[in-house]
N, C-alpha and C. Protein backbone atom coordinates (compact mmCIF):
# COMPACT_ATOMS: atom_id res chain seq x y z
N UNK A 1 9.33 -3.05 -9.64
CA UNK A 1 8.20 -2.45 -10.31
C UNK A 1 7.04 -2.35 -9.33
N UNK A 2 6.37 -1.24 -9.38
CA UNK A 2 5.26 -1.02 -8.46
C UNK A 2 3.97 -0.74 -9.22
N UNK A 3 2.86 -0.97 -8.53
CA UNK A 3 1.53 -0.71 -9.09
C UNK A 3 0.77 0.16 -8.12
N UNK A 4 0.28 1.30 -8.63
CA UNK A 4 -0.55 2.19 -7.83
C UNK A 4 -1.96 1.60 -7.81
N UNK A 5 -2.51 1.33 -6.61
CA UNK A 5 -3.81 0.66 -6.50
C UNK A 5 -4.90 1.57 -5.93
N UNK A 6 -4.59 2.86 -5.79
CA UNK A 6 -5.57 3.81 -5.29
C UNK A 6 -5.03 4.61 -4.13
N UNK A 7 -5.63 5.82 -3.97
CA UNK A 7 -5.20 6.74 -2.91
C UNK A 7 -3.67 6.84 -2.93
N UNK A 8 -3.03 6.56 -1.82
CA UNK A 8 -1.57 6.61 -1.77
C UNK A 8 -0.97 5.22 -1.59
N UNK A 9 -1.66 4.21 -2.10
CA UNK A 9 -1.25 2.82 -1.90
C UNK A 9 -0.61 2.24 -3.16
N UNK A 10 0.46 1.50 -2.94
CA UNK A 10 1.15 0.79 -4.01
C UNK A 10 1.47 -0.62 -3.54
N UNK A 11 1.64 -1.51 -4.51
CA UNK A 11 2.14 -2.86 -4.22
C UNK A 11 3.21 -3.18 -5.24
N UNK A 12 4.09 -4.10 -4.91
CA UNK A 12 5.09 -4.56 -5.86
C UNK A 12 4.43 -5.53 -6.82
N UNK A 13 4.63 -5.32 -8.11
CA UNK A 13 4.01 -6.17 -9.12
C UNK A 13 4.40 -7.63 -8.92
N UNK A 14 5.64 -7.87 -8.55
CA UNK A 14 6.09 -9.26 -8.36
C UNK A 14 5.39 -9.96 -7.19
N UNK A 15 4.78 -9.20 -6.30
CA UNK A 15 4.08 -9.78 -5.15
C UNK A 15 2.63 -10.15 -5.47
N UNK A 16 2.13 -9.71 -6.62
CA UNK A 16 0.72 -9.92 -6.96
C UNK A 16 0.45 -11.37 -7.34
N UNK A 17 -0.54 -11.95 -6.68
CA UNK A 17 -1.00 -13.30 -6.98
C UNK A 17 -2.22 -13.23 -7.91
N UNK A 18 -3.11 -12.27 -7.64
CA UNK A 18 -4.32 -12.13 -8.45
C UNK A 18 -4.87 -10.71 -8.36
N UNK A 19 -5.49 -10.29 -9.45
CA UNK A 19 -6.24 -9.04 -9.50
C UNK A 19 -7.64 -9.43 -9.98
N UNK A 20 -8.63 -9.19 -9.14
CA UNK A 20 -9.98 -9.69 -9.43
C UNK A 20 -11.00 -8.55 -9.42
N UNK A 21 -11.99 -8.66 -10.30
CA UNK A 21 -13.11 -7.74 -10.34
C UNK A 21 -14.09 -8.14 -9.23
N UNK A 22 -14.40 -7.24 -8.33
CA UNK A 22 -15.26 -7.57 -7.19
C UNK A 22 -16.66 -7.97 -7.64
N UNK A 23 -17.25 -7.20 -8.53
CA UNK A 23 -18.63 -7.46 -8.92
C UNK A 23 -18.78 -8.83 -9.60
N UNK A 24 -17.83 -9.18 -10.45
CA UNK A 24 -17.93 -10.44 -11.19
C UNK A 24 -17.58 -11.65 -10.33
N UNK A 25 -16.65 -11.49 -9.41
CA UNK A 25 -16.18 -12.67 -8.67
C UNK A 25 -16.95 -12.93 -7.38
N UNK A 26 -17.58 -11.93 -6.81
CA UNK A 26 -18.27 -12.17 -5.54
C UNK A 26 -19.64 -12.82 -5.73
N UNK A 27 -19.98 -13.15 -6.96
CA UNK A 27 -21.18 -13.95 -7.18
C UNK A 27 -20.93 -15.41 -6.79
N UNK A 28 -19.66 -15.77 -6.68
CA UNK A 28 -19.28 -17.13 -6.29
C UNK A 28 -19.20 -17.24 -4.76
N UNK A 29 -19.79 -18.30 -4.23
CA UNK A 29 -19.71 -18.54 -2.78
C UNK A 29 -18.28 -18.70 -2.33
N UNK A 30 -17.46 -19.37 -3.13
CA UNK A 30 -16.06 -19.59 -2.75
C UNK A 30 -15.29 -18.27 -2.60
N UNK A 31 -15.55 -17.35 -3.51
CA UNK A 31 -14.88 -16.05 -3.42
C UNK A 31 -15.33 -15.29 -2.18
N UNK A 32 -16.64 -15.29 -1.93
CA UNK A 32 -17.15 -14.62 -0.73
C UNK A 32 -16.58 -15.25 0.53
N UNK A 33 -16.48 -16.57 0.56
CA UNK A 33 -15.90 -17.26 1.72
C UNK A 33 -14.43 -16.91 1.88
N UNK A 34 -13.71 -16.84 0.75
CA UNK A 34 -12.29 -16.46 0.78
C UNK A 34 -12.13 -15.06 1.38
N UNK A 35 -12.90 -14.10 0.87
CA UNK A 35 -12.79 -12.72 1.37
C UNK A 35 -13.20 -12.62 2.84
N UNK A 36 -14.24 -13.34 3.23
CA UNK A 36 -14.68 -13.33 4.63
C UNK A 36 -13.59 -13.91 5.53
N UNK A 37 -12.99 -15.01 5.11
CA UNK A 37 -11.92 -15.64 5.89
C UNK A 37 -10.73 -14.69 6.03
N UNK A 38 -10.36 -14.03 4.94
CA UNK A 38 -9.24 -13.08 4.98
C UNK A 38 -9.56 -11.91 5.91
N UNK A 39 -10.79 -11.44 5.87
CA UNK A 39 -11.22 -10.34 6.75
C UNK A 39 -11.11 -10.76 8.21
N UNK A 40 -11.59 -11.96 8.53
CA UNK A 40 -11.55 -12.46 9.90
C UNK A 40 -10.12 -12.62 10.41
N UNK A 41 -9.19 -12.91 9.50
CA UNK A 41 -7.78 -13.08 9.87
C UNK A 41 -7.00 -11.77 9.85
N UNK A 42 -7.68 -10.67 9.53
CA UNK A 42 -7.02 -9.37 9.50
C UNK A 42 -6.11 -9.16 8.31
N UNK A 43 -6.39 -9.85 7.23
CA UNK A 43 -5.53 -9.78 6.05
C UNK A 43 -6.04 -8.82 4.98
N UNK A 44 -7.17 -8.14 5.23
CA UNK A 44 -7.78 -7.26 4.24
C UNK A 44 -7.44 -5.81 4.57
N UNK A 45 -7.02 -5.10 3.54
CA UNK A 45 -6.68 -3.68 3.66
C UNK A 45 -7.56 -2.91 2.69
N UNK A 46 -8.35 -1.98 3.19
CA UNK A 46 -9.15 -1.12 2.33
C UNK A 46 -8.31 0.03 1.84
N UNK A 47 -8.45 0.34 0.57
CA UNK A 47 -7.71 1.45 -0.04
C UNK A 47 -8.71 2.56 -0.32
N UNK A 48 -8.61 3.64 0.42
CA UNK A 48 -9.50 4.77 0.21
C UNK A 48 -10.88 4.54 0.80
N UNK A 49 -11.78 5.47 0.49
CA UNK A 49 -13.13 5.41 1.05
C UNK A 49 -14.19 5.11 0.00
N UNK A 50 -13.80 5.08 -1.27
CA UNK A 50 -14.76 4.76 -2.34
C UNK A 50 -15.11 3.28 -2.31
N UNK A 51 -16.22 2.95 -2.95
CA UNK A 51 -16.64 1.55 -3.05
C UNK A 51 -15.59 0.77 -3.84
N UNK A 52 -15.14 -0.38 -3.32
CA UNK A 52 -14.12 -1.15 -4.04
C UNK A 52 -14.67 -1.73 -5.35
N UNK A 53 -13.83 -1.67 -6.37
CA UNK A 53 -14.17 -2.25 -7.67
C UNK A 53 -13.37 -3.52 -7.93
N UNK A 54 -12.27 -3.67 -7.21
CA UNK A 54 -11.42 -4.84 -7.42
C UNK A 54 -10.75 -5.21 -6.11
N UNK A 55 -10.20 -6.43 -6.10
CA UNK A 55 -9.33 -6.79 -4.98
C UNK A 55 -8.06 -7.41 -5.53
N UNK A 56 -6.97 -7.12 -4.85
CA UNK A 56 -5.65 -7.57 -5.25
C UNK A 56 -5.12 -8.46 -4.15
N UNK A 57 -4.75 -9.68 -4.51
CA UNK A 57 -4.17 -10.62 -3.55
C UNK A 57 -2.67 -10.57 -3.74
N UNK A 58 -1.94 -10.32 -2.66
CA UNK A 58 -0.48 -10.29 -2.73
C UNK A 58 0.12 -11.26 -1.73
N UNK A 59 1.34 -11.66 -2.02
CA UNK A 59 2.09 -12.51 -1.10
C UNK A 59 3.49 -11.91 -1.02
N UNK A 60 3.86 -11.48 0.19
CA UNK A 60 5.19 -10.89 0.42
C UNK A 60 5.72 -11.44 1.74
N UNK A 61 6.92 -12.00 1.68
CA UNK A 61 7.56 -12.59 2.87
C UNK A 61 6.62 -13.60 3.55
N UNK A 62 6.00 -14.45 2.73
CA UNK A 62 5.08 -15.49 3.21
C UNK A 62 3.87 -14.94 3.94
N UNK A 63 3.51 -13.69 3.67
CA UNK A 63 2.33 -13.08 4.27
C UNK A 63 1.37 -12.66 3.16
N UNK A 64 0.16 -13.18 3.23
CA UNK A 64 -0.86 -12.84 2.23
C UNK A 64 -1.63 -11.61 2.69
N UNK A 65 -1.87 -10.70 1.74
CA UNK A 65 -2.68 -9.51 2.00
C UNK A 65 -3.65 -9.34 0.85
N UNK A 66 -4.87 -8.93 1.18
CA UNK A 66 -5.89 -8.65 0.17
C UNK A 66 -6.23 -7.16 0.26
N UNK A 67 -6.01 -6.46 -0.84
CA UNK A 67 -6.30 -5.03 -0.91
C UNK A 67 -7.62 -4.83 -1.65
N UNK A 68 -8.51 -4.05 -1.07
CA UNK A 68 -9.76 -3.67 -1.73
C UNK A 68 -9.54 -2.32 -2.37
N UNK A 69 -9.56 -2.28 -3.70
CA UNK A 69 -9.19 -1.08 -4.44
C UNK A 69 -10.38 -0.44 -5.14
N UNK A 70 -10.43 0.90 -5.16
CA UNK A 70 -11.48 1.60 -5.89
C UNK A 70 -11.21 1.65 -7.40
N UNK A 71 -10.10 1.08 -7.83
CA UNK A 71 -9.72 1.09 -9.25
C UNK A 71 -10.14 -0.24 -9.87
N UNK A 72 -10.68 -0.19 -11.06
CA UNK A 72 -11.16 -1.40 -11.72
C UNK A 72 -10.02 -2.35 -12.05
N UNK A 73 -10.35 -3.62 -12.13
CA UNK A 73 -9.33 -4.62 -12.47
C UNK A 73 -8.79 -4.38 -13.89
N UNK A 74 -9.63 -3.89 -14.79
CA UNK A 74 -9.18 -3.60 -16.16
C UNK A 74 -8.13 -2.49 -16.16
N UNK A 75 -8.35 -1.45 -15.38
CA UNK A 75 -7.38 -0.35 -15.29
C UNK A 75 -6.08 -0.84 -14.65
N UNK A 76 -6.20 -1.63 -13.60
CA UNK A 76 -5.00 -2.18 -12.95
C UNK A 76 -4.20 -3.05 -13.93
N UNK A 77 -4.90 -3.84 -14.72
CA UNK A 77 -4.23 -4.67 -15.73
C UNK A 77 -3.46 -3.80 -16.72
N UNK A 78 -4.09 -2.72 -17.20
CA UNK A 78 -3.42 -1.81 -18.13
C UNK A 78 -2.16 -1.21 -17.51
N UNK A 79 -2.26 -0.85 -16.23
CA UNK A 79 -1.10 -0.27 -15.53
C UNK A 79 0.04 -1.29 -15.41
N UNK A 80 -0.31 -2.53 -15.13
CA UNK A 80 0.71 -3.59 -15.02
C UNK A 80 1.40 -3.78 -16.37
N UNK A 81 0.61 -3.86 -17.43
CA UNK A 81 1.17 -4.05 -18.77
C UNK A 81 2.07 -2.87 -19.14
N UNK A 82 1.61 -1.65 -18.87
CA UNK A 82 2.42 -0.47 -19.19
C UNK A 82 3.73 -0.48 -18.41
N UNK A 83 3.65 -0.78 -17.13
CA UNK A 83 4.86 -0.79 -16.29
C UNK A 83 5.85 -1.84 -16.77
N UNK A 84 5.38 -3.02 -17.09
CA UNK A 84 6.30 -4.08 -17.53
C UNK A 84 6.83 -3.79 -18.92
N UNK A 85 6.02 -3.19 -19.80
CA UNK A 85 6.49 -2.82 -21.13
C UNK A 85 7.56 -1.73 -21.04
N UNK A 86 7.36 -0.74 -20.16
CA UNK A 86 8.35 0.32 -19.98
C UNK A 86 9.68 -0.26 -19.51
N UNK A 87 9.63 -1.20 -18.62
CA UNK A 87 10.86 -1.83 -18.11
C UNK A 87 11.56 -2.60 -19.23
N UNK A 88 10.82 -3.35 -20.02
CA UNK A 88 11.40 -4.12 -21.11
C UNK A 88 12.09 -3.22 -22.13
N UNK A 89 11.49 -2.06 -22.41
CA UNK A 89 12.08 -1.14 -23.37
C UNK A 89 13.41 -0.57 -22.88
N UNK A 90 13.57 -0.49 -21.58
CA UNK A 90 14.79 0.10 -21.01
C UNK A 90 15.88 -0.92 -20.75
N UNK A 91 15.62 -2.16 -21.07
CA UNK A 91 16.65 -3.21 -20.83
C UNK A 91 17.64 -3.21 -21.97
């Protein structure tokens, strides 16, 4: 199962560790430190040129990646639910 996170970018739903709202979570020092550390380690991938509304933390093959997405966390959540519901219906 895949999740479209903006532009032409997708991630595997099973690889997702967290989907976070940027505006709500970056008020925390810990979140800002986490994102800064990931940026310094080259683990951040920007999706598109629009201002990011959310970030998605993934883990694939023991490699963590943080995607900055122009799509809201609420919309991403709806897409995940729809994708998993569609799969369940076809089982």
